[in-house]
Amino acid sequence: MSKDSTSRNSTLANVGMVARREVKARFFTKSNLISLAIMVVVIVAGILVLDYFAGREDDGAADFTVAVESGVAELEPQLTAAGTALGTTVEVEELTREEAEPRLTEDLDAFLGGDPARPEMLVDDEADQQLLALVTSAVQAHVLADQVSELGGDPQAFNEALAMAGPQVASVDAEDDADQFGPQYLVAVLAISLLLFALIGSGSLIAMGVVEEKTSRVVEILLATIRPSELLAGKILGIGIVSLVQVVVLSAAAAVPAMATGLLEGFEIDLGGTMLLVLLWFFLGFAVFALLFGGFAALISRQEEIGAVTTPLMFLMFVPYYLAMFMVTSDPDSTPVRILSQIPFFSPFMMPVRNVFGGVETWELLLSIGIALVTIPVLVWLAARVYRRGVLHTGGRMKLTDALRG
């Protein structure tokens, strides 16, 4: 076996050893498992609650329930049509007065009896004004239909035409808002929010791990057997595995109950493709941001200073996150969005949203992936150089220019 092959195998073994240590130390802790379980329960409960209220909105329950005696039963078509015209639903039951009176205090809103052209409307206490208007409209339509019939016309066609009569109001702004804040917006925001949570969580773990090892002087023992680049690579790989498992678990916690309850029915969105794209950009975004978190964390020597590293990098994630949430959803095909979505720090957030809204072409997606893949080796060199020079530095915070010099 050649010397280069032996060295490569040794490097892979060292990186794997560090990665396994990070997985055990970060994922299998009691606090992490409990917090992950709580988040799964919260997500599942949220989906079930959302499905419950969505079901109540769409369960087809009538707004009004009206009983009619047999002599007034011919008003049923007009009552239904009048309800439709007024934006309500009416359920009509044929009952006698004796059967209807006890139910007026329970599930009946009114009872109609007597002459269909001038019916008696019996209510429990006081007539609902909307129901009164609806019954009045239905009775008038019935009388007009009788008059049309006497003149030789078609009462059914007249009733249908009367129910359809009226202006059809439409708003351009309302239509735009519906497009922007409909199911597509919900899916897009959930996807990039999950991505943001995963990247911030993993980046913070890497930064804290680097600083912990540096302040406890454990890093000096580790670097006696492995190279700094191997230690950093293993740490990033291990925490990346932990974050990926969390993303998959939380995604499944939302997707499985949503599919089981039928909450996703009617969505004209490729949810499977969207989640695959989110996973792809998680890998690329993690590689971009994790390298920066790991490398720059080596510049500080105390836990109290960790905010000096994490805050600017978190800001670097929040900017594209909010741009994707508001700028991309309003116009996913605009020139500024096209340009920004090619920048590796913006791509992980903007590309999945553009894909949900159908504003990204295949060549643009491939180009953004290519630019990210080209950028990652540059960041590897930068992070490794900073980490190698900063991780053994003690005392005050090391300047970035000093870490890059020489």
Protein backbone atom coordinates (compact mmCIF):
# COMPACT_ATOMS: atom_id res chain seq x y z
CA MET A 1 0.00 0.00 0.00
CA SER A 2 1.39 3.41 -0.98
CA LYS A 3 2.25 6.11 1.49
CA ASP A 4 -0.44 8.44 0.07
CA SER A 5 -3.08 5.74 0.37
CA THR A 6 -2.08 5.03 3.97
CA SER A 7 -2.20 8.74 4.81
CA ARG A 8 -5.64 9.07 3.20
CA ASN A 9 -7.00 6.10 5.12
CA SER A 10 -5.59 7.52 8.33
CA THR A 11 -7.25 10.89 7.64
CA LEU A 12 -10.62 9.27 6.97
CA ALA A 13 -10.30 7.17 10.13
CA ASN A 14 -9.49 10.23 12.22
CA VAL A 15 -12.37 12.25 10.75
CA GLY A 16 -14.75 9.32 11.34
CA MET A 17 -13.59 8.92 14.92
CA VAL A 18 -14.22 12.59 15.70
CA ALA A 19 -17.60 12.47 13.91
CA ARG A 20 -18.73 9.47 15.97
CA ARG A 21 -17.67 11.22 19.15
CA GLU A 22 -19.72 14.30 18.20
CA VAL A 23 -22.82 12.23 17.37
CA LYS A 24 -22.69 10.48 20.75
CA ALA A 25 -21.98 13.69 22.61
CA ARG A 26 -24.60 15.83 20.86
CA PHE A 27 -27.48 13.56 19.84
CA PHE A 28 -27.71 10.84 22.47
CA THR A 29 -27.77 13.21 25.42
CA LYS A 30 -30.87 13.13 27.62
CA SER A 31 -31.60 16.84 27.11
CA ASN A 32 -31.43 16.62 23.32
CA LEU A 33 -33.67 13.55 23.12
CA ILE A 34 -36.23 15.12 25.46
CA SER A 35 -36.28 18.43 23.54
CA LEU A 36 -36.58 16.58 20.21
CA ALA A 37 -39.46 14.48 21.56
CA ILE A 38 -41.23 17.61 22.84
CA MET A 39 -40.87 19.30 19.43
CA VAL A 40 -42.27 16.21 17.68
CA VAL A 41 -45.28 16.17 20.03
CA VAL A 42 -45.87 19.90 19.51
CA ILE A 43 -45.69 19.56 15.70
CA VAL A 44 -48.01 16.54 15.61
CA ALA A 45 -50.47 18.24 17.97
CA GLY A 46 -50.36 21.39 15.85
CA ILE A 47 -51.17 19.43 12.68
CA LEU A 48 -54.08 17.64 14.40
CA VAL A 49 -55.47 20.93 15.75
CA LEU A 50 -55.14 22.54 12.32
CA ASP A 51 -56.94 19.58 10.74
CA TYR A 52 -59.69 19.79 13.38
CA PHE A 53 -60.45 23.44 12.69
CA ALA A 54 -60.11 22.95 8.92
CA GLY A 55 -62.58 20.09 9.21
CA ARG A 56 -65.01 22.24 11.16
CA GLU A 57 -64.84 24.91 8.47
CA ASP A 58 -65.46 22.37 5.71
CA ASP A 59 -67.83 19.95 7.39
CA GLY A 60 -70.80 21.23 5.39
CA ALA A 61 -72.86 22.20 8.45
CA ALA A 62 -75.77 24.49 7.56
CA ASP A 63 -75.89 28.06 8.89
CA PHE A 64 -79.64 27.79 9.45
CA THR A 65 -82.01 24.87 10.01
CA VAL A 66 -85.64 25.60 9.10
CA ALA A 67 -88.62 23.27 9.53
CA VAL A 68 -91.61 23.55 7.21
CA GLU A 69 -94.99 21.86 7.36
CA SER A 70 -96.21 19.94 4.36
CA GLY A 71 -98.25 22.85 2.97
CA VAL A 72 -95.17 25.09 2.89
CA ALA A 73 -92.71 22.43 1.68
CA GLU A 74 -92.79 23.92 -1.82
CA LEU A 75 -90.70 26.82 -0.43
CA GLU A 76 -87.66 24.55 -0.02
CA PRO A 77 -86.05 25.32 -3.45
CA GLN A 78 -86.48 29.06 -2.89
CA LEU A 79 -85.06 28.85 0.66
CA THR A 80 -81.98 26.98 -0.58
CA ALA A 81 -81.48 29.38 -3.52
CA ALA A 82 -81.96 32.44 -1.30
CA GLY A 83 -79.39 31.07 1.15
CA THR A 84 -76.89 30.59 -1.67
CA ALA A 85 -77.52 34.11 -2.94
CA LEU A 86 -76.94 35.55 0.55
CA GLY A 87 -73.80 33.48 1.16
CA THR A 88 -75.34 31.10 3.72
CA THR A 89 -76.57 27.53 3.75
CA VAL A 90 -80.04 26.39 4.75
CA GLU A 91 -81.15 22.92 5.79
CA VAL A 92 -84.88 22.35 5.39
CA GLU A 93 -86.84 19.65 7.28
CA GLU A 94 -90.51 18.81 6.84
CA LEU A 95 -92.17 18.59 10.28
CA THR A 96 -95.50 19.25 11.91
CA ARG A 97 -95.90 22.21 14.25
CA GLU A 98 -96.09 19.85 17.25
CA GLU A 99 -92.79 18.20 16.25
CA ALA A 100 -91.04 21.49 15.55
CA GLU A 101 -91.95 23.54 18.64
CA PRO A 102 -89.81 21.56 21.17
CA ARG A 103 -86.81 21.73 18.87
CA LEU A 104 -86.90 25.52 18.51
CA THR A 105 -84.97 25.76 21.75
CA GLU A 106 -82.40 23.21 20.53
CA ASP A 107 -81.46 22.79 16.89
CA LEU A 108 -84.17 24.57 14.85
CA ASP A 109 -83.90 28.26 13.94
CA ALA A 110 -87.47 28.66 12.69
CA PHE A 111 -90.68 26.88 11.67
CA LEU A 112 -92.76 27.92 8.66
CA GLY A 113 -96.42 27.04 8.37
CA GLY A 114 -99.64 28.23 6.79
CA ASP A 115 -99.81 29.83 3.35
CA PRO A 116 -96.55 29.61 1.28
CA ALA A 117 -97.24 33.12 -0.04
CA ARG A 118 -97.62 34.49 3.49
CA PRO A 119 -96.25 31.89 5.92
CA GLU A 120 -96.17 32.14 9.68
CA MET A 121 -92.55 32.15 10.91
CA LEU A 122 -92.31 30.65 14.39
CA VAL A 123 -89.07 31.21 16.37
CA ASP A 124 -87.95 30.54 19.93
CA ASP A 125 -87.42 34.14 21.05
CA GLU A 126 -86.44 36.67 18.41
CA ALA A 127 -85.98 36.17 14.68
CA ASP A 128 -82.46 36.34 13.31
CA GLN A 129 -82.36 39.29 10.90
CA GLN A 130 -80.35 37.43 8.30
CA LEU A 131 -82.73 34.46 8.46
CA LEU A 132 -85.72 36.80 8.24
CA ALA A 133 -84.27 38.42 5.12
CA LEU A 134 -83.59 34.98 3.66
CA VAL A 135 -87.17 33.76 4.27
CA THR A 136 -88.59 37.01 2.90
CA SER A 137 -86.50 36.65 -0.25
CA ALA A 138 -87.61 33.02 -0.63
CA VAL A 139 -91.31 33.88 -0.24
CA GLN A 140 -91.04 36.73 -2.74
CA ALA A 141 -89.30 34.42 -5.21
CA HIS A 142 -92.11 31.87 -4.72
CA VAL A 143 -94.80 34.48 -5.39
CA LEU A 144 -92.97 35.76 -8.47
CA ALA A 145 -92.56 32.20 -9.74
CA ASP A 146 -96.31 31.66 -9.41
CA GLN A 147 -96.94 34.82 -11.37
CA VAL A 148 -94.48 33.74 -14.08
CA SER A 149 -96.20 30.35 -14.26
CA GLU A 150 -99.58 32.00 -14.73
CA LEU A 151 -98.10 34.04 -17.59
CA GLY A 152 -96.85 30.84 -19.28
CA GLY A 153 -93.19 30.99 -18.22
CA ASP A 154 -90.90 28.39 -16.60
CA PRO A 155 -90.85 28.90 -12.80
CA GLN A 156 -87.73 26.72 -12.29
CA ALA A 157 -85.71 28.67 -14.85
CA PHE A 158 -86.96 31.90 -13.29
CA ASN A 159 -85.89 30.82 -9.80
CA GLU A 160 -82.43 29.84 -11.04
CA ALA A 161 -82.00 33.13 -12.87
CA LEU A 162 -83.19 35.08 -9.84
CA ALA A 163 -80.77 33.26 -7.55
CA MET A 164 -77.89 34.00 -9.90
CA ALA A 165 -78.82 37.66 -10.34
CA GLY A 166 -76.52 40.21 -8.72
CA PRO A 167 -73.02 41.65 -9.17
CA GLN A 168 -70.00 39.37 -8.97
CA VAL A 169 -67.41 41.31 -6.97
CA ALA A 170 -63.73 40.66 -7.66
CA SER A 171 -60.63 42.42 -6.35
CA VAL A 172 -57.25 42.37 -8.07
CA ASP A 173 -55.47 43.05 -4.77
CA ALA A 174 -57.40 40.35 -2.97
CA GLU A 175 -56.50 37.87 -5.71
CA ASP A 176 -52.83 38.78 -5.42
CA ASP A 177 -52.97 38.39 -1.63
CA ALA A 178 -54.63 35.00 -2.00
CA ASP A 179 -51.87 33.88 -4.34
CA GLN A 180 -49.13 35.22 -2.08
CA PHE A 181 -50.46 34.00 1.25
CA GLY A 182 -52.15 30.78 0.21
CA PRO A 183 -50.96 27.17 0.62
CA GLN A 184 -47.80 27.91 -1.41
CA TYR A 185 -46.75 30.60 1.07
CA LEU A 186 -47.40 28.30 4.01
CA VAL A 187 -45.33 25.46 2.55
CA ALA A 188 -42.50 27.81 1.56
CA VAL A 189 -42.28 29.50 4.96
CA LEU A 190 -42.39 26.17 6.82
CA ALA A 191 -39.63 24.79 4.59
CA ILE A 192 -37.19 27.67 5.02
CA SER A 193 -38.04 28.02 8.73
CA LEU A 194 -37.08 24.39 9.24
CA LEU A 195 -33.90 25.04 7.27
CA LEU A 196 -33.09 28.14 9.33
CA PHE A 197 -33.67 26.26 12.60
CA ALA A 198 -31.37 23.44 11.49
CA LEU A 199 -28.57 25.72 10.28
CA ILE A 200 -28.62 27.96 13.36
CA GLY A 201 -28.75 24.97 15.70
CA SER A 202 -25.93 23.11 14.01
CA GLY A 203 -23.78 26.20 13.60
CA SER A 204 -24.16 27.10 17.27
CA LEU A 205 -23.26 23.54 18.32
CA ILE A 206 -20.08 23.66 16.23
CA ALA A 207 -19.05 27.05 17.62
CA MET A 208 -19.72 26.01 21.23
CA GLY A 209 -17.88 22.71 20.72
CA VAL A 210 -14.80 24.45 19.36
CA VAL A 211 -14.73 26.95 22.23
CA GLU A 212 -15.36 24.27 24.89
CA GLU A 213 -12.45 22.18 23.66
CA LYS A 214 -10.23 25.23 23.48
CA THR A 215 -11.03 26.55 26.98
CA SER A 216 -10.73 23.09 28.59
CA ARG A 217 -7.40 22.50 26.78
CA VAL A 218 -8.79 19.20 25.43
CA VAL A 219 -7.91 20.38 21.95
CA GLU A 220 -4.20 20.29 22.82
CA ILE A 221 -4.47 16.58 23.64
CA LEU A 222 -6.47 15.85 20.48
CA LEU A 223 -4.07 17.72 18.22
CA ALA A 224 -1.22 15.56 19.52
CA THR A 225 -2.67 12.66 17.51
CA ILE A 226 -4.66 14.24 14.65
CA ARG A 227 -4.31 17.31 12.46
CA PRO A 228 -6.43 20.46 13.05
CA SER A 229 -8.17 20.07 9.68
CA GLU A 230 -9.17 16.49 10.59
CA LEU A 231 -10.56 17.63 13.94
CA LEU A 232 -12.60 20.41 12.34
CA ALA A 233 -13.85 18.14 9.54
CA GLY A 234 -14.91 15.43 11.99
CA LYS A 235 -16.70 17.94 14.19
CA ILE A 236 -18.60 19.42 11.22
CA LEU A 237 -19.47 15.96 9.87
CA GLY A 238 -20.72 14.65 13.23
CA ILE A 239 -22.87 17.67 14.01
CA GLY A 240 -24.11 17.65 10.42
CA ILE A 241 -25.37 14.09 10.90
CA VAL A 242 -27.12 15.10 14.13
CA SER A 243 -28.79 18.09 12.43
CA LEU A 244 -29.82 16.02 9.40
CA VAL A 245 -31.49 13.42 11.63
CA GLN A 246 -33.35 16.20 13.44
CA VAL A 247 -34.52 17.73 10.15
CA VAL A 248 -35.79 14.35 8.90
CA VAL A 249 -37.54 13.56 12.20
CA LEU A 250 -39.25 16.95 12.42
CA SER A 251 -40.23 16.86 8.73
CA ALA A 252 -41.75 13.41 9.21
CA ALA A 253 -43.56 14.64 12.34
CA ALA A 254 -45.32 17.22 10.16
CA ALA A 255 -45.74 15.22 6.95
CA VAL A 256 -47.05 11.90 8.33
CA PRO A 257 -50.03 13.24 10.35
CA ALA A 258 -50.80 15.78 7.60
CA MET A 259 -51.03 12.98 5.04
CA ALA A 260 -52.91 10.67 7.43
CA THR A 261 -55.58 13.28 8.18
CA GLY A 262 -55.93 14.33 4.53
CA LEU A 263 -54.88 17.89 5.35
CA LEU A 264 -52.73 17.98 2.19
CA GLU A 265 -55.57 17.06 -0.17
CA GLY A 266 -56.17 19.73 -2.78
CA PHE A 267 -52.64 21.18 -2.57
CA GLU A 268 -51.32 21.71 -6.07
CA ILE A 269 -47.77 21.60 -4.73
CA ASP A 270 -45.09 18.95 -5.13
CA LEU A 271 -44.43 18.52 -1.40
CA GLY A 272 -42.08 15.57 -1.96
CA GLY A 273 -39.95 17.53 -4.41
CA THR A 274 -39.97 20.54 -2.10
CA MET A 275 -38.67 18.51 0.85
CA LEU A 276 -35.96 16.92 -1.30
CA LEU A 277 -34.89 20.37 -2.41
CA VAL A 278 -34.83 21.56 1.20
CA LEU A 279 -32.59 18.60 2.10
CA LEU A 280 -30.29 19.40 -0.83
CA TRP A 281 -29.96 23.01 0.27
CA PHE A 282 -29.51 21.88 3.86
CA PHE A 283 -26.38 19.99 2.78
CA LEU A 284 -25.06 22.93 0.77
CA GLY A 285 -26.08 25.58 3.31
CA PHE A 286 -24.67 23.54 6.17
CA ALA A 287 -21.35 23.19 4.36
CA VAL A 288 -21.22 26.95 3.76
CA PHE A 289 -22.22 28.16 7.23
CA ALA A 290 -20.77 25.34 9.35
CA LEU A 291 -17.28 26.00 7.99
CA LEU A 292 -17.57 29.65 8.98
CA PHE A 293 -18.93 28.83 12.45
CA GLY A 294 -16.18 26.30 13.09
CA GLY A 295 -13.32 28.35 11.73
CA PHE A 296 -14.22 31.68 13.29
CA ALA A 297 -15.05 30.15 16.69
CA ALA A 298 -11.37 29.25 17.01
CA LEU A 299 -10.55 32.97 17.21
CA ILE A 300 -12.03 33.34 20.71
CA SER A 301 -10.92 31.80 23.99
CA ARG A 302 -13.91 32.25 26.30
CA GLN A 303 -17.56 31.16 26.22
CA GLU A 304 -18.63 34.74 27.00
CA GLU A 305 -17.21 35.88 23.65
CA ILE A 306 -19.05 33.32 21.54
CA GLY A 307 -21.70 35.87 20.58
CA ALA A 308 -19.05 37.86 18.73
CA VAL A 309 -18.82 34.93 16.28
CA THR A 310 -22.36 33.60 16.14
CA THR A 311 -24.25 36.92 15.93
CA PRO A 312 -22.78 38.13 12.59
CA LEU A 313 -23.19 34.66 11.06
CA MET A 314 -26.80 34.39 12.27
CA PHE A 315 -27.44 37.81 10.78
CA LEU A 316 -25.99 36.45 7.54
CA MET A 317 -28.74 33.79 7.65
CA PHE A 318 -31.62 35.98 8.81
CA VAL A 319 -31.19 38.45 5.94
CA PRO A 320 -31.79 35.90 3.15
CA TYR A 321 -34.49 34.21 5.27
CA TYR A 322 -36.60 37.37 5.46
CA LEU A 323 -35.85 38.28 1.86
CA ALA A 324 -37.10 34.85 0.83
CA MET A 325 -40.21 35.18 3.03
CA PHE A 326 -41.30 38.57 1.69
CA MET A 327 -39.33 39.50 -1.42
CA VAL A 328 -39.40 36.13 -3.20
CA THR A 329 -43.03 35.35 -2.38
CA SER A 330 -44.19 38.69 -3.82
CA ASP A 331 -42.23 38.36 -7.09
CA PRO A 332 -40.21 35.12 -7.44
CA ASP A 333 -39.11 35.95 -10.99
CA SER A 334 -37.82 39.50 -10.51
CA THR A 335 -34.26 40.42 -11.56
CA PRO A 336 -32.99 41.18 -8.00
CA VAL A 337 -34.36 37.84 -6.79
CA ARG A 338 -32.73 36.01 -9.71
CA ILE A 339 -29.36 37.59 -8.92
CA LEU A 340 -29.46 37.18 -5.13
CA SER A 341 -30.57 33.55 -5.36
CA GLN A 342 -27.27 32.70 -7.09
CA ILE A 343 -25.19 33.88 -4.11
CA PRO A 344 -24.28 30.87 -1.90
CA PHE A 345 -25.31 32.63 1.33
CA PHE A 346 -28.76 33.43 -0.13
CA SER A 347 -29.38 30.35 -2.30
CA PRO A 348 -30.33 27.88 0.49
CA PHE A 349 -33.29 30.07 1.48
CA MET A 350 -34.35 31.71 -1.78
CA MET A 351 -34.18 28.75 -4.17
CA PRO A 352 -36.65 26.48 -2.30
CA VAL A 353 -39.17 29.35 -2.11
CA ARG A 354 -38.76 30.19 -5.79
CA ASN A 355 -39.29 26.52 -6.59
CA VAL A 356 -42.55 26.40 -4.60
CA PHE A 357 -43.85 29.48 -6.42
CA GLY A 358 -42.72 28.15 -9.80
CA GLY A 359 -40.34 31.05 -10.40
CA VAL A 360 -37.08 29.14 -10.97
CA GLU A 361 -35.88 27.54 -14.17
CA THR A 362 -33.82 24.36 -14.25
CA TRP A 363 -30.67 26.09 -15.51
CA GLU A 364 -30.88 28.65 -12.68
CA LEU A 365 -31.16 25.90 -10.08
CA LEU A 366 -28.20 24.01 -11.55
CA LEU A 367 -26.16 27.21 -11.76
CA SER A 368 -26.79 28.08 -8.11
CA ILE A 369 -25.82 24.56 -7.05
CA GLY A 370 -22.66 24.79 -9.15
CA ILE A 371 -21.68 28.15 -7.64
CA ALA A 372 -22.22 26.77 -4.13
CA LEU A 373 -20.08 23.70 -4.89
CA VAL A 374 -17.29 25.92 -6.21
CA THR A 375 -17.51 28.20 -3.17
CA ILE A 376 -17.31 25.41 -0.59
CA PRO A 377 -13.63 24.48 -1.28
CA VAL A 378 -12.70 28.15 -0.88
CA LEU A 379 -14.48 28.23 2.48
CA VAL A 380 -12.79 24.94 3.46
CA TRP A 381 -9.40 26.55 2.85
CA LEU A 382 -10.40 29.71 4.74
CA ALA A 383 -11.91 27.88 7.72
CA ALA A 384 -9.04 25.39 7.98
CA ARG A 385 -6.47 28.19 7.90
CA VAL A 386 -8.25 30.23 10.58
CA TYR A 387 -8.94 27.16 12.73
CA ARG A 388 -5.37 25.87 12.50
CA ARG A 389 -3.88 29.18 13.63
CA GLY A 390 -6.55 30.14 16.13
CA VAL A 391 -7.37 26.93 17.96
CA LEU A 392 -4.10 26.86 19.91
CA HIS A 393 -4.07 30.60 20.53
CA THR A 394 -4.59 31.51 24.19
CA GLY A 395 -5.26 34.78 25.90
CA GLY A 396 -7.38 37.44 24.22
CA ARG A 397 -9.40 37.15 21.05
CA MET A 398 -7.31 36.62 17.94
CA LYS A 399 -7.83 38.95 15.00
CA LEU A 400 -8.95 37.43 11.72
CA THR A 401 -6.18 39.21 9.86
CA ASP A 402 -3.59 37.62 12.17
CA ALA A 403 -5.07 34.16 11.58
CA LEU A 404 -4.93 34.62 7.80
CA ARG A 405 -1.44 36.13 7.77
CA GLY A 406 1.58 34.06 6.88
